[in-house]
Amino acid sequence: MKKTRILTLLVAMFSLSGFLSAGEVLDIKGSFDAGLTGGFPVGWLPNKPSWWDDAATVGLNPIDGTEKQALQVTSPNQGIHLFYAKKWPVVPGNRCVIRAMVKGTGSGQLGVYTYPGSGMFAKTFQATEEWTAFVAEMTIPKLNPVTGDEEINAICVALVTNPNSSVEFREVTAEIVKP
């Protein structure tokens, strides 16, 4: 009887945890298998001129032992931002969860731009020589962090390579989880 209760409790907890983490998956083409267009991954744009360095390089590298590719962004002088060129609707309290495998030198960030206005939320990672899973989870606040007076109603996903860094990104996914 006691084992049945424990098993029932474990099944209920497992089911509930899946229910709570399930969200709207955002199609951000984070496998980078569509190639480059105009020097950038299909669907991704540079945040020029504010968060761009003309000495930066962007390219796709084959991943050893697979037919997949990784996005490599090298930033010699300043932070480099690439963002996926689609806005998704959100409401305050939604969470955006971005996952990626990363490696390289220096550091980078996974984040979201908020709209209206020009706010950004991001989580920083330290790159290593080995592929490492990184998860950034951000709760969307009510007001834009820059202006403080505009209610956030949309986001787009951003990948950042910090100054003096070279980072590879692969298997980038994002989802919006409602409270």
N, C-alpha and C. Protein backbone atom coordinates (compact mmCIF):
# COMPACT_ATOMS: atom_id res chain seq x y z
N MET A 1 0.82 -1.20 0.00
CA MET A 1 0.00 0.00 0.00
C MET A 1 0.86 1.27 0.00
N LYS A 2 1.90 1.26 0.84
CA LYS A 2 2.78 2.42 0.92
C LYS A 2 3.51 2.63 -0.41
N LYS A 3 3.96 1.53 -1.05
CA LYS A 3 4.64 1.64 -2.34
C LYS A 3 3.70 2.21 -3.40
N THR A 4 2.44 1.84 -3.35
CA THR A 4 1.45 2.33 -4.32
C THR A 4 1.27 3.83 -4.17
N ARG A 5 1.20 4.32 -2.94
CA ARG A 5 1.05 5.76 -2.70
C ARG A 5 2.28 6.53 -3.21
N ILE A 6 3.46 6.00 -2.92
CA ILE A 6 4.69 6.66 -3.36
C ILE A 6 4.73 6.68 -4.88
N LEU A 7 4.41 5.55 -5.51
CA LEU A 7 4.41 5.49 -6.97
C LEU A 7 3.40 6.47 -7.55
N THR A 8 2.20 6.52 -6.96
CA THR A 8 1.17 7.45 -7.43
C THR A 8 1.64 8.90 -7.28
N LEU A 9 2.29 9.20 -6.15
CA LEU A 9 2.80 10.55 -5.91
C LEU A 9 3.89 10.90 -6.93
N LEU A 10 4.80 9.97 -7.20
CA LEU A 10 5.85 10.21 -8.18
C LEU A 10 5.29 10.43 -9.57
N VAL A 11 4.31 9.63 -9.97
CA VAL A 11 3.68 9.81 -11.28
C VAL A 11 2.99 11.17 -11.35
N ALA A 12 2.30 11.56 -10.30
CA ALA A 12 1.62 12.86 -10.29
C ALA A 12 2.62 14.00 -10.37
N MET A 13 3.72 13.90 -9.63
CA MET A 13 4.74 14.96 -9.67
C MET A 13 5.37 15.05 -11.05
N PHE A 14 5.68 13.90 -11.66
CA PHE A 14 6.26 13.88 -12.99
C PHE A 14 5.31 14.51 -14.00
N SER A 15 4.04 14.15 -13.93
CA SER A 15 3.05 14.71 -14.86
C SER A 15 2.91 16.21 -14.68
N LEU A 16 2.86 16.66 -13.43
CA LEU A 16 2.70 18.08 -13.15
C LEU A 16 3.93 18.86 -13.61
N SER A 17 5.15 18.31 -13.40
CA SER A 17 6.34 19.04 -13.82
C SER A 17 6.37 19.19 -15.33
N GLY A 18 5.94 18.20 -16.08
CA GLY A 18 5.86 18.32 -17.54
C GLY A 18 4.83 19.35 -17.94
N PHE A 19 3.72 19.39 -17.23
CA PHE A 19 2.66 20.35 -17.53
C PHE A 19 3.14 21.78 -17.28
N LEU A 20 3.87 21.98 -16.18
CA LEU A 20 4.31 23.33 -15.84
C LEU A 20 5.40 23.85 -16.78
N SER A 21 6.23 22.95 -17.31
CA SER A 21 7.32 23.44 -18.15
C SER A 21 6.96 23.50 -19.63
N ALA A 22 5.83 22.93 -20.02
CA ALA A 22 5.45 22.95 -21.43
C ALA A 22 5.05 24.37 -21.82
N GLY A 23 5.55 24.81 -22.93
CA GLY A 23 5.23 26.16 -23.38
C GLY A 23 5.12 26.21 -24.88
N GLU A 24 4.98 27.42 -25.39
CA GLU A 24 4.92 27.63 -26.83
C GLU A 24 6.35 27.64 -27.37
N VAL A 25 6.66 26.67 -28.20
CA VAL A 25 7.99 26.59 -28.79
C VAL A 25 8.09 27.63 -29.91
N LEU A 26 9.16 28.42 -29.87
CA LEU A 26 9.36 29.47 -30.85
C LEU A 26 10.26 28.96 -31.98
N ASP A 27 9.83 29.14 -33.21
CA ASP A 27 10.60 28.69 -34.36
C ASP A 27 11.67 29.74 -34.67
N ILE A 28 12.87 29.54 -34.10
CA ILE A 28 13.95 30.51 -34.28
C ILE A 28 15.07 29.97 -35.17
N LYS A 29 14.85 28.84 -35.79
CA LYS A 29 15.84 28.26 -36.71
C LYS A 29 17.21 28.15 -36.04
N GLY A 30 17.21 27.65 -34.80
CA GLY A 30 18.41 27.57 -33.99
C GLY A 30 19.32 26.40 -34.29
N SER A 31 18.96 25.59 -35.30
CA SER A 31 19.89 24.53 -35.72
C SER A 31 20.85 25.08 -36.77
N PHE A 32 20.52 26.23 -37.32
CA PHE A 32 21.34 26.93 -38.32
C PHE A 32 21.58 26.10 -39.58
N ASP A 33 20.69 25.11 -39.82
CA ASP A 33 20.85 24.25 -40.99
C ASP A 33 20.34 24.90 -42.28
N ALA A 34 19.70 26.05 -42.18
CA ALA A 34 19.22 26.75 -43.37
C ALA A 34 20.33 27.58 -44.03
N GLY A 35 21.50 27.62 -43.41
CA GLY A 35 22.62 28.33 -44.00
C GLY A 35 22.62 29.83 -43.70
N LEU A 36 23.38 30.56 -44.50
CA LEU A 36 23.53 32.01 -44.33
C LEU A 36 22.85 32.73 -45.48
N THR A 37 22.33 33.91 -45.19
CA THR A 37 21.83 34.81 -46.22
C THR A 37 22.31 36.21 -45.83
N GLY A 38 22.97 36.86 -46.74
CA GLY A 38 23.53 38.18 -46.44
C GLY A 38 24.59 38.15 -45.36
N GLY A 39 25.23 37.00 -45.17
CA GLY A 39 26.29 36.88 -44.17
C GLY A 39 25.81 36.49 -42.78
N PHE A 40 24.49 36.26 -42.62
CA PHE A 40 23.94 35.92 -41.30
C PHE A 40 23.04 34.69 -41.42
N PRO A 41 22.86 33.94 -40.33
CA PRO A 41 21.98 32.78 -40.39
C PRO A 41 20.58 33.20 -40.83
N VAL A 42 19.94 32.34 -41.61
CA VAL A 42 18.58 32.63 -42.10
C VAL A 42 17.67 32.97 -40.91
N GLY A 43 17.01 34.12 -41.00
CA GLY A 43 16.08 34.57 -39.97
C GLY A 43 16.71 35.44 -38.90
N TRP A 44 18.03 35.47 -38.82
CA TRP A 44 18.74 36.23 -37.79
C TRP A 44 19.33 37.51 -38.39
N LEU A 45 19.29 38.59 -37.60
CA LEU A 45 19.81 39.88 -38.05
C LEU A 45 20.78 40.46 -37.02
N PRO A 46 21.73 41.28 -37.48
CA PRO A 46 22.62 41.96 -36.54
C PRO A 46 21.92 43.20 -35.98
N ASN A 47 22.22 43.53 -34.74
CA ASN A 47 21.69 44.76 -34.15
C ASN A 47 22.70 45.87 -34.44
N LYS A 48 22.58 46.44 -35.64
CA LYS A 48 23.48 47.51 -36.07
C LYS A 48 22.80 48.84 -35.92
N PRO A 49 23.49 49.90 -35.65
CA PRO A 49 24.91 49.99 -35.36
C PRO A 49 25.22 49.85 -33.88
N SER A 50 24.19 49.88 -33.03
CA SER A 50 24.42 49.94 -31.58
C SER A 50 25.25 48.79 -31.03
N TRP A 51 24.91 47.59 -31.40
CA TRP A 51 25.56 46.42 -30.82
C TRP A 51 26.25 45.62 -31.91
N TRP A 52 27.12 46.29 -32.63
CA TRP A 52 27.83 45.64 -33.72
C TRP A 52 29.23 46.19 -33.81
N ASP A 53 30.14 45.39 -34.27
CA ASP A 53 31.54 45.75 -34.45
C ASP A 53 31.91 45.35 -35.87
N ASP A 54 32.34 46.28 -36.69
CA ASP A 54 32.67 45.96 -38.08
C ASP A 54 33.82 44.96 -38.20
N ALA A 55 34.58 44.77 -37.14
CA ALA A 55 35.66 43.77 -37.15
C ALA A 55 35.14 42.38 -36.76
N ALA A 56 33.87 42.27 -36.42
CA ALA A 56 33.29 40.98 -36.01
C ALA A 56 33.19 40.03 -37.20
N THR A 57 33.20 38.73 -36.90
CA THR A 57 32.99 37.72 -37.93
C THR A 57 31.86 36.79 -37.52
N VAL A 58 31.10 36.35 -38.52
CA VAL A 58 29.98 35.43 -38.31
C VAL A 58 30.13 34.32 -39.34
N GLY A 59 30.01 33.09 -38.90
CA GLY A 59 30.11 31.98 -39.83
C GLY A 59 29.47 30.72 -39.29
N LEU A 60 29.36 29.72 -40.14
CA LEU A 60 28.84 28.41 -39.73
C LEU A 60 29.97 27.40 -39.81
N ASN A 61 30.11 26.61 -38.75
CA ASN A 61 31.15 25.58 -38.68
C ASN A 61 30.49 24.21 -38.60
N PRO A 62 31.03 23.21 -39.33
CA PRO A 62 30.49 21.85 -39.19
C PRO A 62 30.77 21.31 -37.79
N ILE A 63 29.83 20.55 -37.25
CA ILE A 63 30.02 19.92 -35.95
C ILE A 63 30.56 18.52 -36.20
N ASP A 64 31.72 18.22 -35.62
CA ASP A 64 32.39 16.94 -35.84
C ASP A 64 31.44 15.76 -35.61
N GLY A 65 31.49 14.81 -36.54
CA GLY A 65 30.72 13.58 -36.40
C GLY A 65 29.25 13.71 -36.71
N THR A 66 28.82 14.88 -37.19
CA THR A 66 27.40 15.08 -37.52
C THR A 66 27.31 15.81 -38.86
N GLU A 67 26.10 15.94 -39.33
CA GLU A 67 25.86 16.76 -40.53
C GLU A 67 25.32 18.12 -40.14
N LYS A 68 25.42 18.47 -38.87
CA LYS A 68 24.89 19.73 -38.36
C LYS A 68 25.96 20.81 -38.35
N GLN A 69 25.49 22.05 -38.13
CA GLN A 69 26.38 23.20 -38.09
C GLN A 69 26.20 24.00 -36.81
N ALA A 70 27.25 24.72 -36.45
CA ALA A 70 27.19 25.64 -35.31
C ALA A 70 27.45 27.05 -35.83
N LEU A 71 26.78 28.01 -35.22
CA LEU A 71 27.00 29.42 -35.53
C LEU A 71 28.17 29.91 -34.70
N GLN A 72 29.18 30.50 -35.34
CA GLN A 72 30.31 31.07 -34.62
C GLN A 72 30.29 32.58 -34.81
N VAL A 73 30.36 33.30 -33.68
CA VAL A 73 30.41 34.76 -33.70
C VAL A 73 31.65 35.18 -32.91
N THR A 74 32.52 35.95 -33.56
CA THR A 74 33.74 36.42 -32.93
C THR A 74 33.66 37.93 -32.81
N SER A 75 33.93 38.42 -31.61
CA SER A 75 33.79 39.84 -31.30
C SER A 75 35.09 40.38 -30.73
N PRO A 76 35.92 41.03 -31.54
CA PRO A 76 37.20 41.52 -31.02
C PRO A 76 37.11 42.76 -30.14
N ASN A 77 36.09 43.60 -30.35
CA ASN A 77 36.10 44.90 -29.66
C ASN A 77 34.91 45.19 -28.75
N GLN A 78 33.71 44.81 -29.15
CA GLN A 78 32.53 45.15 -28.36
C GLN A 78 31.51 44.02 -28.44
N GLY A 79 30.47 44.11 -27.63
CA GLY A 79 29.43 43.10 -27.64
C GLY A 79 28.72 43.05 -28.99
N ILE A 80 28.49 41.84 -29.49
CA ILE A 80 27.83 41.62 -30.76
C ILE A 80 26.49 40.97 -30.50
N HIS A 81 25.42 41.55 -31.03
CA HIS A 81 24.08 41.02 -30.84
C HIS A 81 23.51 40.56 -32.18
N LEU A 82 23.01 39.33 -32.22
CA LEU A 82 22.19 38.85 -33.32
C LEU A 82 20.82 38.56 -32.73
N PHE A 83 19.76 38.92 -33.45
CA PHE A 83 18.42 38.63 -32.93
C PHE A 83 17.59 37.97 -34.02
N TYR A 84 16.66 37.11 -33.57
CA TYR A 84 15.78 36.46 -34.53
C TYR A 84 14.70 37.45 -34.92
N ALA A 85 14.50 37.65 -36.22
CA ALA A 85 13.68 38.74 -36.74
C ALA A 85 12.19 38.42 -36.71
N LYS A 86 11.70 38.02 -35.56
CA LYS A 86 10.26 37.85 -35.37
C LYS A 86 9.94 38.18 -33.93
N LYS A 87 8.85 38.90 -33.73
CA LYS A 87 8.39 39.22 -32.38
C LYS A 87 7.27 38.27 -32.00
N TRP A 88 7.31 37.78 -30.75
CA TRP A 88 6.26 36.92 -30.23
C TRP A 88 5.53 37.67 -29.12
N PRO A 89 4.19 37.55 -29.10
CA PRO A 89 3.44 38.24 -28.05
C PRO A 89 3.66 37.58 -26.68
N VAL A 90 3.73 38.42 -25.66
CA VAL A 90 3.87 37.97 -24.28
C VAL A 90 3.01 38.84 -23.38
N VAL A 91 2.80 38.37 -22.18
CA VAL A 91 2.16 39.18 -21.14
C VAL A 91 3.06 39.11 -19.91
N PRO A 92 2.99 40.12 -19.04
CA PRO A 92 3.81 40.08 -17.82
C PRO A 92 3.58 38.78 -17.06
N GLY A 93 4.66 38.22 -16.57
CA GLY A 93 4.60 36.95 -15.85
C GLY A 93 4.97 35.75 -16.72
N ASN A 94 4.87 35.89 -18.05
CA ASN A 94 5.34 34.81 -18.92
C ASN A 94 6.84 34.62 -18.65
N ARG A 95 7.30 33.40 -18.86
CA ARG A 95 8.74 33.14 -18.79
C ARG A 95 9.22 32.78 -20.18
N CYS A 96 10.38 33.26 -20.54
CA CYS A 96 11.03 32.84 -21.78
C CYS A 96 12.21 31.97 -21.38
N VAL A 97 12.26 30.76 -21.93
CA VAL A 97 13.34 29.82 -21.63
C VAL A 97 14.10 29.58 -22.93
N ILE A 98 15.39 29.91 -22.91
CA ILE A 98 16.26 29.72 -24.08
C ILE A 98 17.32 28.70 -23.69
N ARG A 99 17.50 27.72 -24.56
CA ARG A 99 18.50 26.68 -24.32
C ARG A 99 19.47 26.66 -25.50
N ALA A 100 20.73 26.38 -25.22
CA ALA A 100 21.73 26.28 -26.29
C ALA A 100 22.91 25.45 -25.81
N MET A 101 23.58 24.85 -26.77
CA MET A 101 24.89 24.27 -26.54
C MET A 101 25.87 25.34 -26.98
N VAL A 102 26.87 25.62 -26.14
CA VAL A 102 27.83 26.68 -26.44
C VAL A 102 29.26 26.20 -26.17
N LYS A 103 30.20 26.78 -26.89
CA LYS A 103 31.62 26.58 -26.59
C LYS A 103 32.39 27.74 -27.20
N GLY A 104 33.65 27.88 -26.76
CA GLY A 104 34.47 28.94 -27.32
C GLY A 104 35.40 29.53 -26.29
N THR A 105 35.72 30.81 -26.49
CA THR A 105 36.56 31.55 -25.55
C THR A 105 35.81 32.82 -25.15
N GLY A 106 36.02 33.24 -23.92
CA GLY A 106 35.33 34.44 -23.44
C GLY A 106 33.94 34.10 -22.95
N SER A 107 32.98 34.98 -23.23
CA SER A 107 31.63 34.79 -22.70
C SER A 107 30.59 35.29 -23.69
N GLY A 108 29.35 34.96 -23.39
CA GLY A 108 28.23 35.40 -24.21
C GLY A 108 26.97 35.44 -23.39
N GLN A 109 25.85 35.67 -24.07
CA GLN A 109 24.56 35.76 -23.38
C GLN A 109 23.46 35.18 -24.25
N LEU A 110 22.45 34.62 -23.60
CA LEU A 110 21.19 34.27 -24.24
C LEU A 110 20.16 35.21 -23.65
N GLY A 111 19.35 35.85 -24.50
CA GLY A 111 18.42 36.83 -23.95
C GLY A 111 17.26 37.14 -24.87
N VAL A 112 16.48 38.13 -24.45
CA VAL A 112 15.34 38.60 -25.23
C VAL A 112 15.35 40.12 -25.26
N TYR A 113 14.98 40.66 -26.41
CA TYR A 113 14.66 42.08 -26.52
C TYR A 113 13.19 42.23 -26.19
N THR A 114 12.83 43.31 -25.52
CA THR A 114 11.44 43.53 -25.15
C THR A 114 10.88 44.72 -25.94
N TYR A 115 9.59 44.62 -26.26
CA TYR A 115 8.90 45.65 -27.04
C TYR A 115 7.59 46.01 -26.37
N PRO A 116 7.15 47.27 -26.47
CA PRO A 116 7.80 48.39 -27.15
C PRO A 116 9.03 48.84 -26.38
N GLY A 117 9.76 49.74 -26.99
CA GLY A 117 10.97 50.27 -26.37
C GLY A 117 12.17 49.47 -26.77
N SER A 118 13.21 49.55 -25.96
CA SER A 118 14.46 48.91 -26.32
C SER A 118 15.08 48.18 -25.14
N GLY A 119 14.27 47.46 -24.39
CA GLY A 119 14.80 46.73 -23.24
C GLY A 119 15.39 45.39 -23.63
N MET A 120 16.20 44.85 -22.74
CA MET A 120 16.77 43.52 -22.95
C MET A 120 16.98 42.85 -21.60
N PHE A 121 16.68 41.55 -21.58
CA PHE A 121 16.99 40.70 -20.44
C PHE A 121 17.86 39.59 -20.96
N ALA A 122 18.92 39.23 -20.23
CA ALA A 122 19.81 38.17 -20.70
C ALA A 122 20.50 37.51 -19.52
N LYS A 123 20.96 36.30 -19.77
CA LYS A 123 21.77 35.55 -18.80
C LYS A 123 23.12 35.30 -19.45
N THR A 124 24.17 35.53 -18.69
CA THR A 124 25.54 35.42 -19.19
C THR A 124 26.10 34.03 -18.92
N PHE A 125 26.87 33.51 -19.88
CA PHE A 125 27.57 32.24 -19.70
C PHE A 125 29.05 32.45 -19.98
N GLN A 126 29.88 31.60 -19.40
CA GLN A 126 31.31 31.58 -19.67
C GLN A 126 31.55 30.42 -20.62
N ALA A 127 32.12 30.70 -21.78
CA ALA A 127 32.37 29.65 -22.76
C ALA A 127 33.58 28.81 -22.35
N THR A 128 33.57 27.54 -22.73
CA THR A 128 34.69 26.63 -22.47
C THR A 128 35.07 25.94 -23.77
N GLU A 129 36.12 25.15 -23.75
CA GLU A 129 36.57 24.44 -24.94
C GLU A 129 35.63 23.31 -25.34
N GLU A 130 34.83 22.83 -24.41
CA GLU A 130 33.91 21.72 -24.66
C GLU A 130 32.48 22.25 -24.81
N TRP A 131 31.68 21.55 -25.60
CA TRP A 131 30.26 21.91 -25.72
C TRP A 131 29.61 21.79 -24.35
N THR A 132 28.91 22.83 -23.96
CA THR A 132 28.25 22.89 -22.66
C THR A 132 26.81 23.36 -22.84
N ALA A 133 25.87 22.68 -22.17
CA ALA A 133 24.47 23.11 -22.21
C ALA A 133 24.29 24.33 -21.31
N PHE A 134 23.58 25.33 -21.82
CA PHE A 134 23.28 26.53 -21.03
C PHE A 134 21.81 26.85 -21.19
N VAL A 135 21.17 27.18 -20.07
CA VAL A 135 19.74 27.53 -20.07
C VAL A 135 19.59 28.90 -19.45
N ALA A 136 18.89 29.78 -20.16
CA ALA A 136 18.58 31.11 -19.64
C ALA A 136 17.07 31.20 -19.49
N GLU A 137 16.62 31.50 -18.29
CA GLU A 137 15.18 31.63 -18.03
C GLU A 137 14.92 33.01 -17.48
N MET A 138 14.01 33.73 -18.15
CA MET A 138 13.71 35.10 -17.76
C MET A 138 12.21 35.30 -17.63
N THR A 139 11.77 35.89 -16.54
CA THR A 139 10.36 36.23 -16.36
C THR A 139 10.12 37.63 -16.92
N ILE A 140 9.10 37.75 -17.74
CA ILE A 140 8.79 39.03 -18.38
C ILE A 140 8.10 39.95 -17.35
N PRO A 141 8.70 41.12 -17.08
CA PRO A 141 8.08 42.06 -16.14
C PRO A 141 6.95 42.84 -16.82
N LYS A 142 6.24 43.61 -16.04
CA LYS A 142 5.15 44.40 -16.60
C LYS A 142 5.65 45.56 -17.46
N LEU A 143 6.66 46.28 -16.95
CA LEU A 143 7.10 47.49 -17.63
C LEU A 143 8.48 47.33 -18.25
N ASN A 144 8.70 48.03 -19.36
CA ASN A 144 9.98 48.02 -20.05
C ASN A 144 11.06 48.50 -19.09
N PRO A 145 12.18 47.78 -18.97
CA PRO A 145 13.22 48.15 -18.02
C PRO A 145 13.95 49.44 -18.38
N VAL A 146 13.90 49.86 -19.63
CA VAL A 146 14.60 51.07 -20.05
C VAL A 146 13.74 52.30 -19.80
N THR A 147 12.49 52.26 -20.27
CA THR A 147 11.63 53.44 -20.14
C THR A 147 10.87 53.46 -18.82
N GLY A 148 10.57 52.27 -18.29
CA GLY A 148 9.84 52.18 -17.03
C GLY A 148 8.38 52.54 -17.12
N ASP A 149 7.89 52.87 -18.33
CA ASP A 149 6.50 53.29 -18.43
C ASP A 149 5.72 52.59 -19.55
N GLU A 150 6.36 51.71 -20.30
CA GLU A 150 5.67 51.02 -21.39
C GLU A 150 5.47 49.55 -21.01
N GLU A 151 4.24 49.06 -21.14
CA GLU A 151 3.97 47.66 -20.81
C GLU A 151 4.50 46.77 -21.92
N ILE A 152 5.30 45.79 -21.54
CA ILE A 152 5.90 44.87 -22.51
C ILE A 152 4.80 43.98 -23.10
N ASN A 153 4.79 43.87 -24.45
CA ASN A 153 3.79 43.01 -25.08
C ASN A 153 4.39 42.07 -26.12
N ALA A 154 5.72 42.15 -26.34
CA ALA A 154 6.35 41.26 -27.32
C ALA A 154 7.83 41.12 -27.01
N ILE A 155 8.41 40.01 -27.48
CA ILE A 155 9.85 39.78 -27.35
C ILE A 155 10.40 39.21 -28.64
N CYS A 156 11.70 39.30 -28.80
CA CYS A 156 12.41 38.50 -29.80
C CYS A 156 13.67 37.95 -29.12
N VAL A 157 14.17 36.86 -29.64
CA VAL A 157 15.30 36.14 -29.04
C VAL A 157 16.62 36.72 -29.54
N ALA A 158 17.59 36.87 -28.63
CA ALA A 158 18.90 37.44 -28.98
C ALA A 158 20.03 36.53 -28.51
N LEU A 159 21.06 36.45 -29.34
CA LEU A 159 22.31 35.77 -28.99
C LEU A 159 23.39 36.83 -28.95
N VAL A 160 24.21 36.79 -27.91
CA VAL A 160 25.22 37.82 -27.71
C VAL A 160 26.59 37.17 -27.54
N THR A 161 27.57 37.73 -28.22
CA THR A 161 28.97 37.40 -27.96
C THR A 161 29.58 38.65 -27.33
N ASN A 162 30.11 38.50 -26.13
CA ASN A 162 30.66 39.64 -25.40
C ASN A 162 32.00 40.08 -25.99
N PRO A 163 32.50 41.27 -25.63
CA PRO A 163 33.77 41.77 -26.17
C PRO A 163 34.91 40.78 -25.93
N ASN A 164 35.82 40.73 -26.91
CA ASN A 164 37.00 39.87 -26.83
C ASN A 164 36.65 38.41 -26.65
N SER A 165 35.60 37.96 -27.31
CA SER A 165 35.13 36.58 -27.19
C SER A 165 34.86 35.99 -28.57
N SER A 166 34.91 34.67 -28.63
CA SER A 166 34.52 33.94 -29.82
C SER A 166 33.68 32.75 -29.36
N VAL A 167 32.41 32.76 -29.71
CA VAL A 167 31.47 31.77 -29.19
C VAL A 167 30.79 31.04 -30.34
N GLU A 168 30.64 29.72 -30.16
CA GLU A 168 29.85 28.92 -31.08
C GLU A 168 28.54 28.55 -30.38
N PHE A 169 27.44 28.64 -31.13
CA PHE A 169 26.11 28.30 -30.63
C PHE A 169 25.57 27.17 -31.49
N ARG A 170 24.92 26.20 -30.88
CA ARG A 170 24.21 25.17 -31.65
C ARG A 170 22.98 24.73 -30.87
N GLU A 171 22.05 24.14 -31.60
CA GLU A 171 20.82 23.61 -30.98
C GLU A 171 20.14 24.64 -30.09
N VAL A 172 20.00 25.85 -30.59
CA VAL A 172 19.36 26.92 -29.83
C VAL A 172 17.85 26.78 -29.93
N THR A 173 17.19 26.71 -28.79
CA THR A 173 15.72 26.62 -28.76
C THR A 173 15.19 27.68 -27.80
N ALA A 174 13.94 28.04 -28.00
CA ALA A 174 13.30 29.00 -27.10
C ALA A 174 11.83 28.66 -26.97
N GLU A 175 11.28 28.95 -25.80
CA GLU A 175 9.84 28.75 -25.59
C GLU A 175 9.33 29.81 -24.62
N ILE A 176 8.05 30.11 -24.76
CA ILE A 176 7.36 31.00 -23.84
C ILE A 176 6.46 30.13 -22.97
N VAL A 177 6.65 30.26 -21.66
CA VAL A 177 5.86 29.47 -20.70
C VAL A 177 4.93 30.43 -19.98
N LYS A 178 3.65 30.13 -20.02
CA LYS A 178 2.67 30.97 -19.34
C LYS A 178 2.60 30.62 -17.86
N PRO A 179 2.30 31.62 -17.02
CA PRO A 179 2.24 31.33 -15.56
C PRO A 179 1.09 30.39 -15.21
